[in-house]
Every structure is written in structure tokens, then in C-alpha cells.
C-alpha atoms as a PDB file:
ATOM      1  CA  LEU A   1      -7.641  29.482-121.559  1.00  0.00           C
ATOM      2  CA  ALA A   2      -5.137  31.696-123.305  1.00  0.00           C
ATOM      3  CA  ILE A   3      -2.477  33.394-121.114  1.00  0.00           C
ATOM      4  CA  ASP A   4      -1.071  36.675-122.559  1.00  0.00           C
ATOM      5  CA  TYR A   5       2.492  35.528-122.851  1.00  0.00           C
ATOM      6  CA  PRO A   6       5.014  33.243-121.470  1.00  0.00           C
ATOM      7  CA  TYR A   7       6.975  34.857-118.646  1.00  0.00           C
ATOM      8  CA  ARG A   8       9.338  34.494-115.723  1.00  0.00           C
ATOM      9  CA  GLU A   9       8.905  36.644-112.473  1.00  0.00           C
ATOM     10  CA  THR A  10      11.783  36.608-109.937  1.00  0.00           C
ATOM     11  CA  ILE A  11      11.548  38.520-106.630  1.00  0.00           C
ATOM     12  CA  SER A  12      14.311  38.693-103.988  1.00  0.00           C
ATOM     13  CA  LEU A  13      13.379  40.549-100.744  1.00  0.00           C
ATOM     14  CA  THR A  14      15.475  41.144 -97.747  1.00  0.00           C
ATOM     15  CA  VAL A  15      14.068  42.867 -94.709  1.00  0.00           C
ATOM     16  CA  SER A  16      16.316  43.924 -91.817  1.00  0.00           C
ATOM     17  CA  HIS A  17      14.599  44.926 -88.579  1.00  0.00           C
ATOM     18  CA  GLY A  18      15.804  46.852 -85.594  1.00  0.00           C
ATOM     19  CA  PRO A  19      16.382  45.678 -82.003  1.00  0.00           C
ATOM     20  CA  GLY A  20      13.410  44.609 -80.032  1.00  0.00           C
ATOM     21  CA  LEU A  21      11.449  43.378 -82.951  1.00  0.00           C
ATOM     22  CA  ARG A  22      10.882  39.706 -83.649  1.00  0.00           C
ATOM     23  CA  LEU A  23       9.282  37.986 -86.467  1.00  0.00           C
ATOM     24  CA  ALA A  24       5.672  36.729 -85.648  1.00  0.00           C
ATOM     25  CA  SER A  25       4.703  35.447 -89.043  1.00  0.00           C
ATOM     26  CA  ALA A  26       6.021  35.112 -92.502  1.00  0.00           C
ATOM     27  CA  PRO A  27       5.084  33.101 -95.534  1.00  0.00           C
ATOM     28  CA  ALA A  28       6.014  29.384 -95.603  1.00  0.00           C
ATOM     29  CA  ALA A  29       8.885  28.182 -97.604  1.00  0.00           C
ATOM     30  CA  ALA A  30       7.924  25.891-100.593  1.00  0.00           C
ATOM     31  CA  THR A  31      11.102  24.269-100.527  1.00  0.00           C
ATOM     32  CA  ALA A  32      10.106  20.808-100.005  1.00  0.00           C
ATOM     33  CA  ARG A  33       8.540  20.701-103.533  1.00  0.00           C
ATOM     34  CA  ALA A  34       8.050  23.176-106.312  1.00  0.00           C
ATOM     35  CA  LEU A  35       4.401  23.960-106.947  1.00  0.00           C
ATOM     36  CA  THR A  36       3.632  23.014-110.463  1.00  0.00           C
ATOM     37  CA  ALA A  37       0.916  22.928-113.311  1.00  0.00           C
ATOM     38  CA  PRO A  38       1.260  21.946-116.801  1.00  0.00           C
ATOM     39  CA  GLY A  39       3.834  24.467-118.276  1.00  0.00           C
ATOM     40  CA  ALA A  40       4.247  26.390-114.910  1.00  0.00           C
ATOM     41  CA  GLU A  41       6.206  26.269-111.806  1.00  0.00           C
ATOM     42  CA  PHE A  42       6.548  28.318-108.551  1.00  0.00           C
ATOM     43  CA  ARG A  43       9.367  28.179-106.009  1.00  0.00           C
ATOM     44  CA  GLN A  44       9.631  30.137-102.792  1.00  0.00           C
ATOM     45  CA  VAL A  45      12.458  30.052-100.299  1.00  0.00           C
ATOM     46  CA  VAL A  46      11.962  31.952 -96.971  1.00  0.00           C
ATOM     47  CA  GLN A  47      15.014  32.336 -94.644  1.00  0.00           C
ATOM     48  CA  SER A  48      14.911  33.906 -91.287  1.00  0.00           C
ATOM     49  CA  ARG A  49      18.062  34.998 -89.517  1.00  0.00           C
ATOM     50  CA  PRO A  50      18.482  37.159 -86.319  1.00  0.00           C
ATOM     51  CA  GLY A  51      17.624  40.607 -87.438  1.00  0.00           C
ATOM     52  CA  GLU A  52      16.939  39.712 -91.084  1.00  0.00           C
ATOM     53  CA  LEU A  53      14.068  38.007 -93.291  1.00  0.00           C
ATOM     54  CA  ARG A  54      14.813  37.044 -96.805  1.00  0.00           C
ATOM     55  CA  ILE A  55      12.184  35.806 -99.351  1.00  0.00           C
ATOM     56  CA  ASP A  56      13.118  34.666-102.845  1.00  0.00           C
ATOM     57  CA  ARG A  57      10.288  33.748-105.245  1.00  0.00           C
ATOM     58  CA  VAL A  58      10.295  32.416-108.947  1.00  0.00           C
ATOM     59  CA  LEU A  59       7.214  32.063-111.042  1.00  0.00           C
ATOM     60  CA  GLU A  60       7.579  30.647-114.515  1.00  0.00           C
ATOM     61  CA  VAL A  61       4.891  30.146-117.005  1.00  0.00           C
ATOM     62  CA  GLY A  62       6.270  28.687-120.256  1.00  0.00           C
ATOM     63  CA  ARG A  63       3.214  28.452-122.405  1.00  0.00           C
ATOM     64  CA  VAL A  64       0.360  30.462-123.725  1.00  0.00           C
ATOM     65  CA  ARG A  65      -2.462  27.941-123.860  1.00  0.00           C
ATOM     66  CA  VAL A  66      -4.067  25.910-121.073  1.00  0.00           C
ATOM     67  CA  ALA A  67      -6.301  22.947-122.400  1.00  0.00           C
ATOM     68  CA  VAL A  68      -9.586  22.534-120.832  1.00  0.00           C
ATOM     69  CA  ALA A  69      -8.518  19.271-119.447  1.00  0.00           C
ATOM     70  CA  GLU A  70      -5.638  20.967-117.461  1.00  0.00           C
ATOM     71  CA  TYR A  71      -8.062  23.502-115.771  1.00  0.00           C
ATOM     72  CA  PRO A  72      -8.349  21.447-112.487  1.00  0.00           C
ATOM     73  CA  GLY A  73      -4.512  21.387-112.230  1.00  0.00           C
ATOM     74  CA  TRP A  74      -4.199  25.110-112.984  1.00  0.00           C
ATOM     75  CA  ARG A  75      -6.829  26.032-110.484  1.00  0.00           C
ATOM     76  CA  ARG A  76      -5.096  24.017-107.694  1.00  0.00           C
ATOM     77  CA  PHE A  77      -1.817  25.560-108.836  1.00  0.00           C
ATOM     78  CA  VAL A  78      -3.168  29.230-108.723  1.00  0.00           C
ATOM     79  CA  LEU A  79      -4.779  28.674-105.395  1.00  0.00           C
ATOM     80  CA  GLU A  80      -1.468  27.182-103.867  1.00  0.00           C
ATOM     81  CA  VAL A  81       0.624  30.000-105.303  1.00  0.00           C
ATOM     82  CA  ASP A  82      -1.896  32.519-103.947  1.00  0.00           C
ATOM     83  CA  GLN A  83      -1.640  30.944-100.465  1.00  0.00           C
ATOM     84  CA  ALA A  84       2.106  30.915-100.641  1.00  0.00           C
ATOM     85  CA  VAL A  85       2.436  34.589-101.434  1.00  0.00           C
ATOM     86  CA  GLY A  86      -0.573  35.797 -99.434  1.00  0.00           C
ATOM     87  CA  THR A  87       0.781  35.330 -95.990  1.00  0.00           C
ATOM     88  CA  PRO A  88       1.704  38.649 -94.641  1.00  0.00           C
ATOM     89  CA  VAL A  89       4.995  39.239 -92.766  1.00  0.00           C
ATOM     90  CA  ARG A  90       4.295  40.489 -89.122  1.00  0.00           C
ATOM     91  CA  TRP A  91       6.673  41.793 -86.533  1.00  0.00           C
ATOM     92  CA  THR A  92       5.949  42.195 -82.810  1.00  0.00           C
ATOM     93  CA  GLY A  93       7.786  44.140 -80.104  1.00  0.00           C
ATOM     94  CA  GLY A  94       9.792  47.346 -80.625  1.00  0.00           C
ATOM     95  CA  GLY A  95       7.487  49.399 -78.275  1.00  0.00           C
ATOM     96  CA  ARG A  96       8.897  52.810 -77.363  1.00  0.00           C
END
């Protein structure tokens, strides 16, 4: 498997919400361990404070080629990253 190029993607997002809203669901933090595959790493930190949600993500891929023997590890990695970033943020309350 050839990957187009090595890269690093960093996302920092802070959402402030108004009174009456509360966080119902958010992505889980991947802080206990980084998700890894040969030549790649993903980290996600999610912090919820009163009135604010902050999500920091870093995805690093440091190589251009994945050997056939590494496919199972890469598959696991991609599925875990997809699960980590695929959880939507949901708010409740705030009725008018």
C-alpha cells in the first residue's frame, strides 16, 4: 500500500455554548494511550468545562509505504481513528 505523502494534521477546536445547553455526547479522549500503527500515530484530547468543549487532535503519518505484513495493524488503526473522530457532539436543552 502506497500512501501519497507523509503528513501531520493538527486540529484544535473550542466550542462555547450558551446558557441552558448541556453536553449530551462528545468524542472520547484517546489520552490513556495514543493509537498507533507502523509509522503512524493519532492522539485526541477532549476537555469539557462549564460552557465549553475543547477537542485537540493530531494525526501523524511518517512514511509512504505500508508493507503487506503491516496491513492488519493499519486496518485496526484506521478503524480506531475513525471511531474516535466519528462520534458527533450533541447538545441538549436550550428550548425557547
